[in-house]
Amino acid sequence: MKRFCLLVFLIVAACALVGCGTTKADSPHIGTWEATAVAMEGLELPLGDALPGGFILELKSGGVYTMTSDGETGEGTWSGEGNDIVLDVVEEGSEDFTIKGVVDGDTLTFDDFMGMQFDLIFKRATAGE
């Protein structure tokens, strides 16, 4: 009976460890991304002085992100499969929504960013550790 209990314990422990390995900790998209341009109707323009404080997105392990723009920071959860990224946005006093983007190398593009009819383009600033 003791061997059976030990075997069950070892199986449960192994499953728990394998489950931990499937988190966002291994995602190649973890890291800091900086918005560099907007695109609309085929025209791409650098952000430059439009956002003097910058626009930074940090994808963290565990499926958490922070987004900082003009000195204000918000956070939420993110998920990704392959090259697709989904940010879940929860704002107090408004409806929750998602923002979907695609990673291509060191570029992350959110098409029709927040329904504003422009694409927001980020470049990788740092990779996750």
N, C-alpha and C. Protein backbone atom coordinates (compact mmCIF):
# COMPACT_ATOMS: atom_id res chain seq x y z
N MET A 1 0.81 -1.19 0.00
CA MET A 1 0.00 0.00 0.00
C MET A 1 0.86 1.26 0.00
N LYS A 2 1.96 1.24 0.78
CA LYS A 2 2.85 2.39 0.82
C LYS A 2 3.45 2.66 -0.55
N ARG A 3 3.82 1.60 -1.27
CA ARG A 3 4.39 1.77 -2.62
C ARG A 3 3.36 2.37 -3.57
N PHE A 4 2.12 1.93 -3.44
CA PHE A 4 1.06 2.46 -4.28
C PHE A 4 0.87 3.96 -4.01
N CYS A 5 0.82 4.35 -2.75
CA CYS A 5 0.67 5.77 -2.39
C CYS A 5 1.87 6.58 -2.89
N LEU A 6 3.07 6.02 -2.76
CA LEU A 6 4.27 6.70 -3.24
C LEU A 6 4.21 6.87 -4.75
N LEU A 7 3.77 5.83 -5.45
CA LEU A 7 3.65 5.89 -6.90
C LEU A 7 2.65 6.96 -7.32
N VAL A 8 1.50 7.01 -6.66
CA VAL A 8 0.49 8.03 -6.97
C VAL A 8 1.06 9.42 -6.71
N PHE A 9 1.75 9.60 -5.59
CA PHE A 9 2.36 10.89 -5.27
C PHE A 9 3.37 11.31 -6.34
N LEU A 10 4.21 10.38 -6.78
CA LEU A 10 5.20 10.70 -7.80
C LEU A 10 4.55 11.06 -9.13
N ILE A 11 3.48 10.38 -9.48
CA ILE A 11 2.77 10.72 -10.73
C ILE A 11 2.16 12.11 -10.64
N VAL A 12 1.52 12.41 -9.52
CA VAL A 12 0.92 13.74 -9.33
C VAL A 12 2.01 14.82 -9.35
N ALA A 13 3.13 14.58 -8.68
CA ALA A 13 4.22 15.55 -8.66
C ALA A 13 4.79 15.76 -10.06
N ALA A 14 4.95 14.69 -10.81
CA ALA A 14 5.47 14.81 -12.18
C ALA A 14 4.51 15.59 -13.06
N CYS A 15 3.22 15.35 -12.92
CA CYS A 15 2.22 16.10 -13.70
C CYS A 15 2.26 17.57 -13.33
N ALA A 16 2.43 17.89 -12.07
CA ALA A 16 2.51 19.29 -11.65
C ALA A 16 3.72 19.97 -12.25
N LEU A 17 4.86 19.28 -12.27
CA LEU A 17 6.06 19.87 -12.86
C LEU A 17 5.91 20.06 -14.36
N VAL A 18 5.32 19.11 -15.04
CA VAL A 18 5.10 19.25 -16.48
C VAL A 18 4.16 20.40 -16.75
N GLY A 19 3.13 20.56 -15.92
CA GLY A 19 2.19 21.67 -16.08
C GLY A 19 2.88 23.01 -15.94
N CYS A 20 3.84 23.11 -15.05
CA CYS A 20 4.56 24.37 -14.88
C CYS A 20 5.36 24.71 -16.12
N GLY A 21 5.81 23.74 -16.86
CA GLY A 21 6.62 23.99 -18.04
C GLY A 21 5.82 24.51 -19.22
N THR A 22 4.49 24.54 -19.12
CA THR A 22 3.68 24.98 -20.25
C THR A 22 3.19 26.41 -20.09
N THR A 23 3.72 27.15 -19.14
CA THR A 23 3.30 28.54 -18.95
C THR A 23 3.97 29.43 -19.97
N LYS A 24 3.66 30.72 -19.90
CA LYS A 24 4.25 31.70 -20.81
C LYS A 24 5.73 31.93 -20.53
N ALA A 25 6.27 31.26 -19.50
CA ALA A 25 7.68 31.45 -19.15
C ALA A 25 8.60 31.07 -20.30
N ASP A 26 8.14 30.17 -21.17
CA ASP A 26 8.98 29.72 -22.27
C ASP A 26 8.69 30.44 -23.58
N SER A 27 7.78 31.39 -23.58
CA SER A 27 7.39 32.06 -24.81
C SER A 27 8.53 32.92 -25.35
N PRO A 28 8.79 32.84 -26.65
CA PRO A 28 9.82 33.70 -27.24
C PRO A 28 9.38 35.15 -27.33
N HIS A 29 8.12 35.43 -27.02
CA HIS A 29 7.61 36.80 -27.13
C HIS A 29 7.77 37.61 -25.85
N ILE A 30 8.19 36.95 -24.77
CA ILE A 30 8.39 37.66 -23.51
C ILE A 30 9.50 38.69 -23.70
N GLY A 31 9.27 39.88 -23.18
CA GLY A 31 10.26 40.94 -23.27
C GLY A 31 9.59 42.29 -23.42
N THR A 32 10.38 43.29 -23.72
CA THR A 32 9.89 44.65 -23.84
C THR A 32 9.80 45.04 -25.31
N TRP A 33 8.66 45.61 -25.67
CA TRP A 33 8.38 46.04 -27.04
C TRP A 33 8.08 47.53 -27.02
N GLU A 34 8.67 48.27 -27.96
CA GLU A 34 8.47 49.72 -28.02
C GLU A 34 7.75 50.09 -29.31
N ALA A 35 6.66 50.85 -29.18
CA ALA A 35 5.91 51.29 -30.36
C ALA A 35 6.79 52.26 -31.15
N THR A 36 6.91 52.00 -32.45
CA THR A 36 7.79 52.84 -33.28
C THR A 36 7.06 53.52 -34.43
N ALA A 37 5.90 52.99 -34.82
CA ALA A 37 5.22 53.56 -35.99
C ALA A 37 3.73 53.24 -35.96
N VAL A 38 2.99 54.03 -36.72
CA VAL A 38 1.58 53.74 -36.98
C VAL A 38 1.42 53.59 -38.48
N ALA A 39 0.47 52.77 -38.88
CA ALA A 39 0.22 52.58 -40.31
C ALA A 39 -1.28 52.71 -40.56
N MET A 40 -1.60 53.41 -41.66
CA MET A 40 -3.00 53.58 -42.02
C MET A 40 -3.08 53.70 -43.53
N GLU A 41 -3.96 52.90 -44.12
CA GLU A 41 -4.19 52.92 -45.56
C GLU A 41 -2.90 52.83 -46.37
N GLY A 42 -2.00 51.94 -45.94
CA GLY A 42 -0.77 51.70 -46.67
C GLY A 42 0.36 52.67 -46.39
N LEU A 43 0.12 53.66 -45.54
CA LEU A 43 1.13 54.66 -45.21
C LEU A 43 1.63 54.41 -43.79
N GLU A 44 2.94 54.27 -43.63
CA GLU A 44 3.54 54.05 -42.31
C GLU A 44 4.28 55.30 -41.87
N LEU A 45 3.97 55.77 -40.67
CA LEU A 45 4.59 56.98 -40.14
C LEU A 45 5.26 56.69 -38.80
N PRO A 46 6.49 57.20 -38.60
CA PRO A 46 7.15 57.00 -37.30
C PRO A 46 6.41 57.75 -36.21
N LEU A 47 6.41 57.20 -35.00
CA LEU A 47 5.71 57.87 -33.90
C LEU A 47 6.41 59.16 -33.50
N GLY A 48 7.74 59.11 -33.47
CA GLY A 48 8.51 60.32 -33.18
C GLY A 48 7.98 61.12 -32.02
N ASP A 49 7.63 62.37 -32.29
CA ASP A 49 7.19 63.27 -31.24
C ASP A 49 5.73 63.11 -30.86
N ALA A 50 5.00 62.27 -31.56
CA ALA A 50 3.58 62.09 -31.26
C ALA A 50 3.37 61.53 -29.85
N LEU A 51 4.30 60.71 -29.39
CA LEU A 51 4.24 60.16 -28.03
C LEU A 51 5.57 60.42 -27.34
N PRO A 52 5.77 61.64 -26.83
CA PRO A 52 7.07 61.98 -26.24
C PRO A 52 7.49 61.06 -25.09
N GLY A 53 6.52 60.53 -24.35
CA GLY A 53 6.86 59.62 -23.26
C GLY A 53 7.03 58.19 -23.72
N GLY A 54 6.81 57.95 -25.01
CA GLY A 54 6.94 56.60 -25.55
C GLY A 54 5.70 55.76 -25.29
N PHE A 55 5.71 54.58 -25.87
CA PHE A 55 4.62 53.62 -25.70
C PHE A 55 5.30 52.27 -25.59
N ILE A 56 5.33 51.72 -24.39
CA ILE A 56 6.08 50.50 -24.10
C ILE A 56 5.11 49.38 -23.68
N LEU A 57 5.32 48.21 -24.25
CA LEU A 57 4.57 47.02 -23.88
C LEU A 57 5.56 46.00 -23.36
N GLU A 58 5.33 45.50 -22.16
CA GLU A 58 6.19 44.47 -21.60
C GLU A 58 5.38 43.20 -21.39
N LEU A 59 5.72 42.16 -22.14
CA LEU A 59 5.09 40.85 -21.98
C LEU A 59 5.91 40.07 -20.97
N LYS A 60 5.28 39.69 -19.88
CA LYS A 60 5.98 39.01 -18.79
C LYS A 60 5.58 37.54 -18.73
N SER A 61 6.43 36.76 -18.07
CA SER A 61 6.09 35.35 -17.86
C SER A 61 4.86 35.27 -16.97
N GLY A 62 4.16 34.17 -17.08
CA GLY A 62 2.94 34.00 -16.31
C GLY A 62 1.73 34.63 -16.96
N GLY A 63 1.89 35.15 -18.19
CA GLY A 63 0.75 35.70 -18.92
C GLY A 63 0.31 37.07 -18.46
N VAL A 64 1.22 37.87 -17.90
CA VAL A 64 0.90 39.22 -17.45
C VAL A 64 1.64 40.22 -18.33
N TYR A 65 1.00 41.36 -18.62
CA TYR A 65 1.68 42.42 -19.37
C TYR A 65 1.49 43.75 -18.67
N THR A 66 2.41 44.68 -18.94
CA THR A 66 2.22 46.08 -18.57
C THR A 66 2.38 46.90 -19.83
N MET A 67 1.58 47.95 -19.93
CA MET A 67 1.63 48.85 -21.07
C MET A 67 1.76 50.27 -20.51
N THR A 68 2.80 50.99 -20.94
CA THR A 68 3.05 52.33 -20.44
C THR A 68 3.03 53.31 -21.60
N SER A 69 2.21 54.34 -21.45
CA SER A 69 2.12 55.37 -22.47
C SER A 69 1.92 56.72 -21.79
N ASP A 70 2.74 57.68 -22.18
CA ASP A 70 2.64 59.03 -21.65
C ASP A 70 2.65 59.05 -20.13
N GLY A 71 3.51 58.20 -19.55
CA GLY A 71 3.68 58.17 -18.10
C GLY A 71 2.63 57.39 -17.33
N GLU A 72 1.61 56.87 -18.00
CA GLU A 72 0.58 56.08 -17.33
C GLU A 72 0.76 54.61 -17.66
N THR A 73 0.62 53.77 -16.64
CA THR A 73 0.82 52.33 -16.82
C THR A 73 -0.46 51.57 -16.49
N GLY A 74 -0.75 50.61 -17.35
CA GLY A 74 -1.86 49.69 -17.11
C GLY A 74 -1.34 48.28 -17.25
N GLU A 75 -2.09 47.35 -16.72
CA GLU A 75 -1.64 45.97 -16.85
C GLU A 75 -2.83 45.07 -17.10
N GLY A 76 -2.52 43.88 -17.54
CA GLY A 76 -3.56 42.90 -17.84
C GLY A 76 -2.92 41.56 -18.10
N THR A 77 -3.66 40.70 -18.76
CA THR A 77 -3.15 39.38 -19.09
C THR A 77 -3.00 39.25 -20.59
N TRP A 78 -2.10 38.37 -21.00
CA TRP A 78 -1.88 38.11 -22.42
C TRP A 78 -1.76 36.61 -22.64
N SER A 79 -2.01 36.24 -23.87
CA SER A 79 -1.83 34.85 -24.26
C SER A 79 -1.27 34.85 -25.67
N GLY A 80 -0.70 33.74 -26.05
CA GLY A 80 -0.14 33.66 -27.38
C GLY A 80 -0.05 32.23 -27.85
N GLU A 81 -0.25 32.07 -29.13
CA GLU A 81 -0.09 30.77 -29.75
C GLU A 81 0.61 31.01 -31.07
N GLY A 82 1.76 30.37 -31.24
CA GLY A 82 2.54 30.63 -32.44
C GLY A 82 2.97 32.08 -32.47
N ASN A 83 2.66 32.77 -33.54
CA ASN A 83 3.02 34.19 -33.67
C ASN A 83 1.89 35.13 -33.31
N ASP A 84 0.77 34.59 -32.84
CA ASP A 84 -0.38 35.43 -32.48
C ASP A 84 -0.31 35.81 -31.00
N ILE A 85 -0.58 37.08 -30.72
CA ILE A 85 -0.61 37.60 -29.36
C ILE A 85 -1.99 38.19 -29.11
N VAL A 86 -2.54 37.92 -27.94
CA VAL A 86 -3.82 38.51 -27.55
C VAL A 86 -3.65 39.16 -26.18
N LEU A 87 -3.95 40.46 -26.11
CA LEU A 87 -3.94 41.19 -24.85
C LEU A 87 -5.38 41.32 -24.36
N ASP A 88 -5.63 40.93 -23.13
CA ASP A 88 -6.94 41.11 -22.52
C ASP A 88 -6.90 42.42 -21.73
N VAL A 89 -7.79 43.34 -22.08
CA VAL A 89 -7.80 44.66 -21.47
C VAL A 89 -9.04 44.79 -20.59
N VAL A 90 -8.81 45.13 -19.34
CA VAL A 90 -9.90 45.35 -18.39
C VAL A 90 -9.73 46.78 -17.87
N GLU A 91 -10.68 47.63 -18.20
CA GLU A 91 -10.63 49.01 -17.74
C GLU A 91 -11.83 49.29 -16.86
N GLU A 92 -11.56 49.91 -15.73
CA GLU A 92 -12.64 50.23 -14.82
C GLU A 92 -13.60 51.22 -15.49
N GLY A 93 -14.87 50.93 -15.43
CA GLY A 93 -15.87 51.83 -15.99
C GLY A 93 -16.14 51.63 -17.47
N SER A 94 -15.51 50.62 -18.09
CA SER A 94 -15.79 50.34 -19.50
C SER A 94 -15.81 48.83 -19.73
N GLU A 95 -16.24 48.45 -20.90
CA GLU A 95 -16.31 47.03 -21.23
C GLU A 95 -14.90 46.47 -21.45
N ASP A 96 -14.72 45.21 -21.06
CA ASP A 96 -13.46 44.51 -21.31
C ASP A 96 -13.36 44.24 -22.81
N PHE A 97 -12.14 44.20 -23.33
CA PHE A 97 -11.94 43.90 -24.75
C PHE A 97 -10.58 43.27 -24.95
N THR A 98 -10.33 42.79 -26.15
CA THR A 98 -9.04 42.18 -26.48
C THR A 98 -8.39 42.96 -27.61
N ILE A 99 -7.07 42.90 -27.64
CA ILE A 99 -6.28 43.48 -28.71
C ILE A 99 -5.46 42.35 -29.29
N LYS A 100 -5.56 42.15 -30.60
CA LYS A 100 -4.86 41.03 -31.24
C LYS A 100 -3.72 41.54 -32.11
N GLY A 101 -2.57 40.86 -31.97
CA GLY A 101 -1.39 41.23 -32.74
C GLY A 101 -0.69 40.01 -33.30
N VAL A 102 0.25 40.29 -34.21
CA VAL A 102 1.03 39.22 -34.83
C VAL A 102 2.51 39.59 -34.76
N VAL A 103 3.32 38.61 -34.34
CA VAL A 103 4.77 38.79 -34.26
C VAL A 103 5.40 38.26 -35.54
N ASP A 104 6.29 39.07 -36.11
CA ASP A 104 7.08 38.67 -37.27
C ASP A 104 8.52 39.06 -36.97
N GLY A 105 9.30 38.11 -36.49
CA GLY A 105 10.68 38.41 -36.09
C GLY A 105 10.69 39.32 -34.87
N ASP A 106 11.29 40.49 -35.02
CA ASP A 106 11.35 41.46 -33.92
C ASP A 106 10.31 42.57 -34.08
N THR A 107 9.25 42.30 -34.83
CA THR A 107 8.18 43.27 -35.03
C THR A 107 6.86 42.67 -34.56
N LEU A 108 6.12 43.45 -33.79
CA LEU A 108 4.80 43.07 -33.30
C LEU A 108 3.81 44.10 -33.82
N THR A 109 2.83 43.66 -34.60
CA THR A 109 1.87 44.58 -35.20
C THR A 109 0.47 44.28 -34.69
N PHE A 110 -0.19 45.33 -34.20
CA PHE A 110 -1.59 45.24 -33.81
C PHE A 110 -2.41 45.93 -34.88
N ASP A 111 -3.13 45.15 -35.67
CA ASP A 111 -3.99 45.70 -36.72
C ASP A 111 -5.22 46.34 -36.09
N ASP A 112 -5.63 47.47 -36.65
CA ASP A 112 -6.83 48.19 -36.17
C ASP A 112 -6.78 48.33 -34.65
N PHE A 113 -5.70 48.91 -34.17
CA PHE A 113 -5.42 49.01 -32.73
C PHE A 113 -6.59 49.65 -31.99
N MET A 114 -7.17 48.89 -31.08
CA MET A 114 -8.27 49.33 -30.23
C MET A 114 -9.43 49.93 -31.04
N GLY A 115 -9.60 49.45 -32.27
CA GLY A 115 -10.71 49.92 -33.11
C GLY A 115 -10.53 51.34 -33.63
N MET A 116 -9.30 51.84 -33.64
CA MET A 116 -9.03 53.22 -34.06
C MET A 116 -8.65 53.34 -35.53
N GLN A 117 -8.80 52.27 -36.28
CA GLN A 117 -8.56 52.25 -37.72
C GLN A 117 -7.12 52.58 -38.11
N PHE A 118 -6.17 52.25 -37.25
CA PHE A 118 -4.76 52.30 -37.61
C PHE A 118 -4.06 51.12 -36.99
N ASP A 119 -2.93 50.75 -37.57
CA ASP A 119 -2.10 49.66 -37.05
C ASP A 119 -1.01 50.27 -36.20
N LEU A 120 -0.72 49.65 -35.08
CA LEU A 120 0.35 50.11 -34.20
C LEU A 120 1.47 49.08 -34.28
N ILE A 121 2.67 49.56 -34.60
CA ILE A 121 3.82 48.68 -34.85
C ILE A 121 4.84 48.85 -33.73
N PHE A 122 5.20 47.72 -33.11
CA PHE A 122 6.19 47.69 -32.04
C PHE A 122 7.44 46.97 -32.53
N LYS A 123 8.58 47.39 -32.02
CA LYS A 123 9.85 46.69 -32.24
C LYS A 123 10.33 46.15 -30.91
N ARG A 124 10.96 44.98 -30.96
CA ARG A 124 11.49 44.38 -29.73
C ARG A 124 12.62 45.25 -29.19
N ALA A 125 12.48 45.66 -27.93
CA ALA A 125 13.53 46.44 -27.28
C ALA A 125 14.47 45.52 -26.50
N THR A 126 13.88 44.58 -25.76
CA THR A 126 14.68 43.58 -25.03
C THR A 126 13.94 42.26 -25.04
N ALA A 127 14.69 41.20 -25.03
CA ALA A 127 14.10 39.86 -24.93
C ALA A 127 13.91 39.53 -23.46
N GLY A 128 12.98 38.63 -23.18
CA GLY A 128 12.73 38.19 -21.81
C GLY A 128 13.90 37.41 -21.26
N GLU A 129 13.95 37.34 -19.96
CA GLU A 129 15.04 36.62 -19.31
C GLU A 129 14.51 35.43 -18.58
